[in-house]
Amino acid sequence: MEVNCTTPSPSNEHRIEVNLRDVNQLFNTMDPSPFHEKDLDHDAEEFIESWAQELPVNEPVSLIVHVNDLVPEKETQQLIEKAVHNHFANRARSNEMEFRQLMAEGRRTLLIGLAFISTCLFVAARFFPGGSAGTISAIVRESLTIGGWVAMWRPLEIYLYQWWPLQKRGKIFQKLAQMPVEVRTKTNSDSSNP
């Protein structure tokens, strides 16, 4: 399998080109689903997704599949296009579910973190006031304050860093689920190239 990505055409559409010996190379051979519902081969999916990630999210992309041995074109064209669209639509739904789960985890950890930091700060202020003398008192007060802020680490990580890569990946999957797919038969001169 060989994958190429070309520069955008005048309409700003980027093309991802995949060269295959036969159509079955595009699909996971272990998947018993009907042809149009099959998962894409892991390598094929990874190539298509990695090229799409390098392109601007808001610019269109199309997939051109070059195949050496091709059965009747119109039927194959429709089946491959439907299979590719189904696969990436499923990936978009899975990504959306993962995003919702991450946001739910963020809400839970935020509530837990806020309750814990509030308790720590209350205990520190109530039982170890700043004016009280003693090293042990100061250590306990500072430990409670630091411990409370450490409890906020996970919700801050989710809300500051983890949500946006998932959202971007979801947009890429949605774009790939709707991209035009064209199947072409390779000519002899094309198939002689590695």
C-alpha atoms as a PDB file:
ATOM      1  CA  MET A   1       0.000   0.000   0.000  1.00  0.00           C
ATOM      2  CA  GLU A   2       1.322   3.409  -0.900  1.00  0.00           C
ATOM      3  CA  VAL A   3      -0.146   6.734   0.164  1.00  0.00           C
ATOM      4  CA  ASN A   4       0.413  10.151  -1.316  1.00  0.00           C
ATOM      5  CA  CYS A   5      -0.931  13.550  -0.477  1.00  0.00           C
ATOM      6  CA  THR A   6      -1.051  16.193  -3.150  1.00  0.00           C
ATOM      7  CA  THR A   7      -1.228  19.939  -2.947  1.00  0.00           C
ATOM      8  CA  PRO A   8      -4.635  21.532  -3.066  1.00  0.00           C
ATOM      9  CA  SER A   9      -6.323  22.060  -6.381  1.00  0.00           C
ATOM     10  CA  PRO A  10      -7.526  25.553  -7.298  1.00  0.00           C
ATOM     11  CA  SER A  11     -10.689  24.827  -5.271  1.00  0.00           C
ATOM     12  CA  ASN A  12      -8.490  24.270  -2.163  1.00  0.00           C
ATOM     13  CA  GLU A  13      -9.357  20.564  -2.092  1.00  0.00           C
ATOM     14  CA  HIS A  14      -6.517  18.380  -0.905  1.00  0.00           C
ATOM     15  CA  ARG A  15      -6.212  14.860  -2.294  1.00  0.00           C
ATOM     16  CA  ILE A  16      -5.053  11.789  -0.434  1.00  0.00           C
ATOM     17  CA  GLU A  17      -4.084   9.052  -2.867  1.00  0.00           C
ATOM     18  CA  VAL A  18      -3.809   5.382  -1.907  1.00  0.00           C
ATOM     19  CA  ASN A  19      -2.258   2.808  -4.247  1.00  0.00           C
ATOM     20  CA  LEU A  20      -3.455  -0.791  -3.783  1.00  0.00           C
ATOM     21  CA  ARG A  21      -2.948  -4.143  -5.529  1.00  0.00           C
ATOM     22  CA  ASP A  22      -6.596  -5.010  -4.911  1.00  0.00           C
ATOM     23  CA  VAL A  23      -9.571  -3.522  -3.070  1.00  0.00           C
ATOM     24  CA  ASN A  24      -9.277  -5.940  -0.137  1.00  0.00           C
ATOM     25  CA  GLN A  25      -6.032  -4.245   0.956  1.00  0.00           C
ATOM     26  CA  LEU A  26      -8.120  -1.281   2.059  1.00  0.00           C
ATOM     27  CA  PHE A  27     -10.157  -3.320   4.545  1.00  0.00           C
ATOM     28  CA  ASN A  28      -9.584  -5.297   7.716  1.00  0.00           C
ATOM     29  CA  THR A  29      -9.681  -8.899   6.544  1.00  0.00           C
ATOM     30  CA  MET A  30     -10.571 -10.137  10.052  1.00  0.00           C
ATOM     31  CA  ASP A  31     -13.819  -8.143  10.077  1.00  0.00           C
ATOM     32  CA  PRO A  32     -16.742 -10.434   9.132  1.00  0.00           C
ATOM     33  CA  SER A  33     -19.112  -7.517   8.441  1.00  0.00           C
ATOM     34  CA  PRO A  34     -20.638  -6.967   5.006  1.00  0.00           C
ATOM     35  CA  PHE A  35     -18.308  -5.165   2.622  1.00  0.00           C
ATOM     36  CA  HIS A  36     -19.784  -1.674   3.063  1.00  0.00           C
ATOM     37  CA  GLU A  37     -19.664  -1.991   6.889  1.00  0.00           C
ATOM     38  CA  LYS A  38     -16.124  -3.336   7.176  1.00  0.00           C
ATOM     39  CA  ASP A  39     -13.479  -1.557   9.195  1.00  0.00           C
ATOM     40  CA  LEU A  40     -10.631  -0.112   7.213  1.00  0.00           C
ATOM     41  CA  ASP A  41      -7.278  -1.826   7.457  1.00  0.00           C
ATOM     42  CA  HIS A  42      -5.340  -0.321  10.381  1.00  0.00           C
ATOM     43  CA  ASP A  43      -2.478   0.849   8.158  1.00  0.00           C
ATOM     44  CA  ALA A  44      -4.824   2.381   5.585  1.00  0.00           C
ATOM     45  CA  GLU A  45      -6.807   4.157   8.277  1.00  0.00           C
ATOM     46  CA  GLU A  46      -3.639   5.431   9.952  1.00  0.00           C
ATOM     47  CA  PHE A  47      -2.266   6.797   6.662  1.00  0.00           C
ATOM     48  CA  ILE A  48      -5.502   8.546   5.702  1.00  0.00           C
ATOM     49  CA  GLU A  49      -5.991   9.965   9.194  1.00  0.00           C
ATOM     50  CA  SER A  50      -2.380  11.153   9.529  1.00  0.00           C
ATOM     51  CA  TRP A  51      -2.520  12.978   6.199  1.00  0.00           C
ATOM     52  CA  ALA A  52      -5.843  14.540   7.130  1.00  0.00           C
ATOM     53  CA  GLN A  53      -4.407  15.732  10.468  1.00  0.00           C
ATOM     54  CA  GLU A  54      -1.635  17.578   8.646  1.00  0.00           C
ATOM     55  CA  LEU A  55      -4.118  19.485   6.507  1.00  0.00           C
ATOM     56  CA  PRO A  56      -6.141  22.479   7.710  1.00  0.00           C
ATOM     57  CA  VAL A  57      -9.372  21.270   9.327  1.00  0.00           C
ATOM     58  CA  ASN A  58     -11.537  23.726   7.407  1.00  0.00           C
ATOM     59  CA  GLU A  59     -10.210  22.797   3.935  1.00  0.00           C
ATOM     60  CA  PRO A  60     -11.842  19.974   1.961  1.00  0.00           C
ATOM     61  CA  VAL A  61     -10.098  16.684   1.274  1.00  0.00           C
ATOM     62  CA  SER A  62     -10.810  13.869  -1.146  1.00  0.00           C
ATOM     63  CA  LEU A  63      -9.591  10.281  -1.304  1.00  0.00           C
ATOM     64  CA  ILE A  64      -8.411   8.718  -4.540  1.00  0.00           C
ATOM     65  CA  VAL A  65      -7.943   4.951  -4.433  1.00  0.00           C
ATOM     66  CA  HIS A  66      -5.785   3.517  -7.233  1.00  0.00           C
ATOM     67  CA  VAL A  67      -6.342  -0.235  -7.645  1.00  0.00           C
ATOM     68  CA  ASN A  68      -4.517  -2.713  -9.937  1.00  0.00           C
ATOM     69  CA  ASP A  69      -7.236  -5.357 -10.072  1.00  0.00           C
ATOM     70  CA  LEU A  70     -10.623  -3.726 -10.172  1.00  0.00           C
ATOM     71  CA  VAL A  71     -14.055  -5.332 -10.536  1.00  0.00           C
ATOM     72  CA  PRO A  72     -16.874  -3.397 -12.280  1.00  0.00           C
ATOM     73  CA  GLU A  73     -16.128   0.234 -11.496  1.00  0.00           C
ATOM     74  CA  LYS A  74     -19.506   1.780 -10.692  1.00  0.00           C
ATOM     75  CA  GLU A  75     -20.424  -0.841  -8.094  1.00  0.00           C
ATOM     76  CA  THR A  76     -16.928  -0.856  -6.573  1.00  0.00           C
ATOM     77  CA  GLN A  77     -16.833   2.937  -6.468  1.00  0.00           C
ATOM     78  CA  GLN A  78     -20.096   3.086  -4.513  1.00  0.00           C
ATOM     79  CA  LEU A  79     -19.152   0.260  -2.136  1.00  0.00           C
ATOM     80  CA  ILE A  80     -15.737   1.699  -1.318  1.00  0.00           C
ATOM     81  CA  GLU A  81     -17.124   5.201  -0.836  1.00  0.00           C
ATOM     82  CA  LYS A  82     -19.878   3.899   1.442  1.00  0.00           C
ATOM     83  CA  ALA A  83     -17.412   1.753   3.420  1.00  0.00           C
ATOM     84  CA  VAL A  84     -14.979   4.649   3.909  1.00  0.00           C
ATOM     85  CA  HIS A  85     -17.792   6.995   4.939  1.00  0.00           C
ATOM     86  CA  ASN A  86     -19.258   4.421   7.356  1.00  0.00           C
ATOM     87  CA  HIS A  87     -15.875   3.747   8.916  1.00  0.00           C
ATOM     88  CA  PHE A  88     -15.052   7.381   9.615  1.00  0.00           C
ATOM     89  CA  ALA A  89     -18.628   8.151  10.708  1.00  0.00           C
ATOM     90  CA  ASN A  90     -18.250   5.362  13.288  1.00  0.00           C
ATOM     91  CA  ARG A  91     -14.919   6.840  14.367  1.00  0.00           C
ATOM     92  CA  ALA A  92     -16.562  10.276  14.703  1.00  0.00           C
ATOM     93  CA  ARG A  93     -19.331   8.813  16.889  1.00  0.00           C
ATOM     94  CA  SER A  94     -16.788   6.962  19.024  1.00  0.00           C
ATOM     95  CA  ASN A  95     -14.738  10.139  19.387  1.00  0.00           C
ATOM     96  CA  GLU A  96     -17.874  12.093  20.384  1.00  0.00           C
ATOM     97  CA  MET A  97     -18.636   9.515  23.070  1.00  0.00           C
ATOM     98  CA  GLU A  98     -15.056   9.740  24.338  1.00  0.00           C
ATOM     99  CA  PHE A  99     -15.349  13.545  24.421  1.00  0.00           C
ATOM    100  CA  ARG A 100     -18.598  13.390  26.426  1.00  0.00           C
ATOM    101  CA  GLN A 101     -17.031  10.927  28.874  1.00  0.00           C
ATOM    102  CA  LEU A 102     -14.022  13.223  29.301  1.00  0.00           C
ATOM    103  CA  MET A 103     -16.279  16.210  30.009  1.00  0.00           C
ATOM    104  CA  ALA A 104     -18.283  14.155  32.543  1.00  0.00           C
ATOM    105  CA  GLU A 105     -15.033  13.113  34.214  1.00  0.00           C
ATOM    106  CA  GLY A 106     -13.974  16.774  34.225  1.00  0.00           C
ATOM    107  CA  ARG A 107     -17.179  17.792  36.002  1.00  0.00           C
ATOM    108  CA  ARG A 108     -16.828  15.000  38.589  1.00  0.00           C
ATOM    109  CA  THR A 109     -13.167  15.713  39.284  1.00  0.00           C
ATOM    110  CA  LEU A 110     -13.862  19.447  39.475  1.00  0.00           C
ATOM    111  CA  LEU A 111     -16.558  18.931  42.106  1.00  0.00           C
ATOM    112  CA  ILE A 112     -14.324  16.559  44.080  1.00  0.00           C
ATOM    113  CA  GLY A 113     -11.349  18.906  43.739  1.00  0.00           C
ATOM    114  CA  LEU A 114     -13.336  21.967  44.840  1.00  0.00           C
ATOM    115  CA  ALA A 115     -14.761  20.102  47.837  1.00  0.00           C
ATOM    116  CA  PHE A 116     -11.311  18.848  48.815  1.00  0.00           C
ATOM    117  CA  ILE A 117      -9.522  22.193  48.423  1.00  0.00           C
ATOM    118  CA  SER A 118     -12.315  23.942  50.339  1.00  0.00           C
ATOM    119  CA  THR A 119     -11.984  21.423  53.174  1.00  0.00           C
ATOM    120  CA  CYS A 120      -8.195  21.725  53.229  1.00  0.00           C
ATOM    121  CA  LEU A 121      -8.269  25.523  53.268  1.00  0.00           C
ATOM    122  CA  PHE A 122     -10.984  25.552  55.948  1.00  0.00           C
ATOM    123  CA  VAL A 123      -9.025  23.136  58.178  1.00  0.00           C
ATOM    124  CA  ALA A 124      -5.801  25.097  57.638  1.00  0.00           C
ATOM    125  CA  ALA A 125      -7.442  28.423  58.503  1.00  0.00           C
ATOM    126  CA  ARG A 126      -9.493  27.079  61.417  1.00  0.00           C
ATOM    127  CA  PHE A 127      -6.989  24.851  63.223  1.00  0.00           C
ATOM    128  CA  PHE A 128      -3.635  26.208  62.032  1.00  0.00           C
ATOM    129  CA  PRO A 129      -4.045  29.996  61.688  1.00  0.00           C
ATOM    130  CA  GLY A 130      -1.276  32.012  60.091  1.00  0.00           C
ATOM    131  CA  GLY A 131      -0.399  33.850  63.292  1.00  0.00           C
ATOM    132  CA  SER A 132       0.131  30.690  65.368  1.00  0.00           C
ATOM    133  CA  ALA A 133       3.710  29.984  66.298  1.00  0.00           C
ATOM    134  CA  GLY A 134       5.515  26.760  65.636  1.00  0.00           C
ATOM    135  CA  THR A 135       7.142  25.019  62.770  1.00  0.00           C
ATOM    136  CA  ILE A 136       4.811  22.011  62.882  1.00  0.00           C
ATOM    137  CA  SER A 137       1.770  24.271  62.637  1.00  0.00           C
ATOM    138  CA  ALA A 138       3.255  26.079  59.617  1.00  0.00           C
ATOM    139  CA  ILE A 139       4.165  22.783  57.908  1.00  0.00           C
ATOM    140  CA  VAL A 140       0.677  21.341  58.416  1.00  0.00           C
ATOM    141  CA  ARG A 141      -0.982  24.565  57.204  1.00  0.00           C
ATOM    142  CA  GLU A 142       1.182  24.697  54.039  1.00  0.00           C
ATOM    143  CA  SER A 143       0.740  20.936  53.434  1.00  0.00           C
ATOM    144  CA  LEU A 144      -3.031  21.313  53.574  1.00  0.00           C
ATOM    145  CA  THR A 145      -2.906  24.252  51.149  1.00  0.00           C
ATOM    146  CA  ILE A 146      -0.618  22.425  48.697  1.00  0.00           C
ATOM    147  CA  GLY A 147      -2.641  19.202  49.000  1.00  0.00           C
ATOM    148  CA  GLY A 148      -5.821  21.086  48.210  1.00  0.00           C
ATOM    149  CA  TRP A 149      -4.327  22.602  45.062  1.00  0.00           C
ATOM    150  CA  VAL A 150      -2.881  19.253  43.965  1.00  0.00           C
ATOM    151  CA  ALA A 151      -6.437  17.874  44.046  1.00  0.00           C
ATOM    152  CA  MET A 152      -7.311  20.440  41.360  1.00  0.00           C
ATOM    153  CA  TRP A 153      -4.651  19.077  38.988  1.00  0.00           C
ATOM    154  CA  ARG A 154      -6.875  16.571  37.128  1.00  0.00           C
ATOM    155  CA  PRO A 155      -9.826  18.877  36.380  1.00  0.00           C
ATOM    156  CA  LEU A 156      -7.428  21.608  35.262  1.00  0.00           C
ATOM    157  CA  GLU A 157      -5.627  19.144  32.999  1.00  0.00           C
ATOM    158  CA  ILE A 158      -8.916  18.098  31.411  1.00  0.00           C
ATOM    159  CA  TYR A 159     -10.274  21.623  30.925  1.00  0.00           C
ATOM    160  CA  LEU A 160      -6.988  23.198  29.839  1.00  0.00           C
ATOM    161  CA  TYR A 161      -5.330  20.509  27.714  1.00  0.00           C
ATOM    162  CA  GLN A 162      -7.225  17.286  27.038  1.00  0.00           C
ATOM    163  CA  TRP A 163     -10.511  18.377  25.456  1.00  0.00           C
ATOM    164  CA  TRP A 164      -9.300  20.289  22.409  1.00  0.00           C
ATOM    165  CA  PRO A 165      -7.275  17.487  20.721  1.00  0.00           C
ATOM    166  CA  LEU A 166     -10.359  15.246  20.981  1.00  0.00           C
ATOM    167  CA  GLN A 167     -12.542  17.958  19.495  1.00  0.00           C
ATOM    168  CA  LYS A 168     -10.095  18.495  16.604  1.00  0.00           C
ATOM    169  CA  ARG A 169      -9.903  14.747  15.920  1.00  0.00           C
ATOM    170  CA  GLY A 170     -13.717  14.629  15.860  1.00  0.00           C
ATOM    171  CA  LYS A 171     -13.822  17.371  13.223  1.00  0.00           C
ATOM    172  CA  ILE A 172     -11.283  15.449  11.132  1.00  0.00           C
ATOM    173  CA  PHE A 173     -13.329  12.239  11.376  1.00  0.00           C
ATOM    174  CA  GLN A 174     -16.492  14.140  10.367  1.00  0.00           C
ATOM    175  CA  LYS A 175     -14.672  15.600   7.380  1.00  0.00           C
ATOM    176  CA  LEU A 176     -13.342  12.171   6.358  1.00  0.00           C
ATOM    177  CA  ALA A 177     -16.831  10.676   6.737  1.00  0.00           C
ATOM    178  CA  GLN A 178     -18.091  13.077   4.060  1.00  0.00           C
ATOM    179  CA  MET A 179     -15.090  13.360   1.729  1.00  0.00           C
ATOM    180  CA  PRO A 180     -15.457  12.445  -1.920  1.00  0.00           C
ATOM    181  CA  VAL A 181     -13.928   9.039  -2.701  1.00  0.00           C
ATOM    182  CA  GLU A 182     -12.819   8.174  -6.205  1.00  0.00           C
ATOM    183  CA  VAL A 183     -11.664   4.721  -7.299  1.00  0.00           C
ATOM    184  CA  ARG A 184      -9.351   4.491 -10.288  1.00  0.00           C
ATOM    185  CA  THR A 185      -7.824   1.549 -12.104  1.00  0.00           C
ATOM    186  CA  LYS A 186      -4.059   1.851 -12.328  1.00  0.00           C
ATOM    187  CA  THR A 187      -2.605   1.750 -15.812  1.00  0.00           C
ATOM    188  CA  ASN A 188       0.326  -0.512 -16.651  1.00  0.00           C
ATOM    189  CA  SER A 189       2.736   2.403 -16.400  1.00  0.00           C
ATOM    190  CA  ASP A 190       1.348   3.271 -12.958  1.00  0.00           C
ATOM    191  CA  SER A 191       1.573  -0.296 -11.658  1.00  0.00           C
ATOM    192  CA  SER A 192       5.200  -0.679 -12.788  1.00  0.00           C
ATOM    193  CA  ASN A 193       6.199   2.003 -10.287  1.00  0.00           C
ATOM    194  CA  PRO A 194       6.802   0.765  -6.719  1.00  0.00           C
END
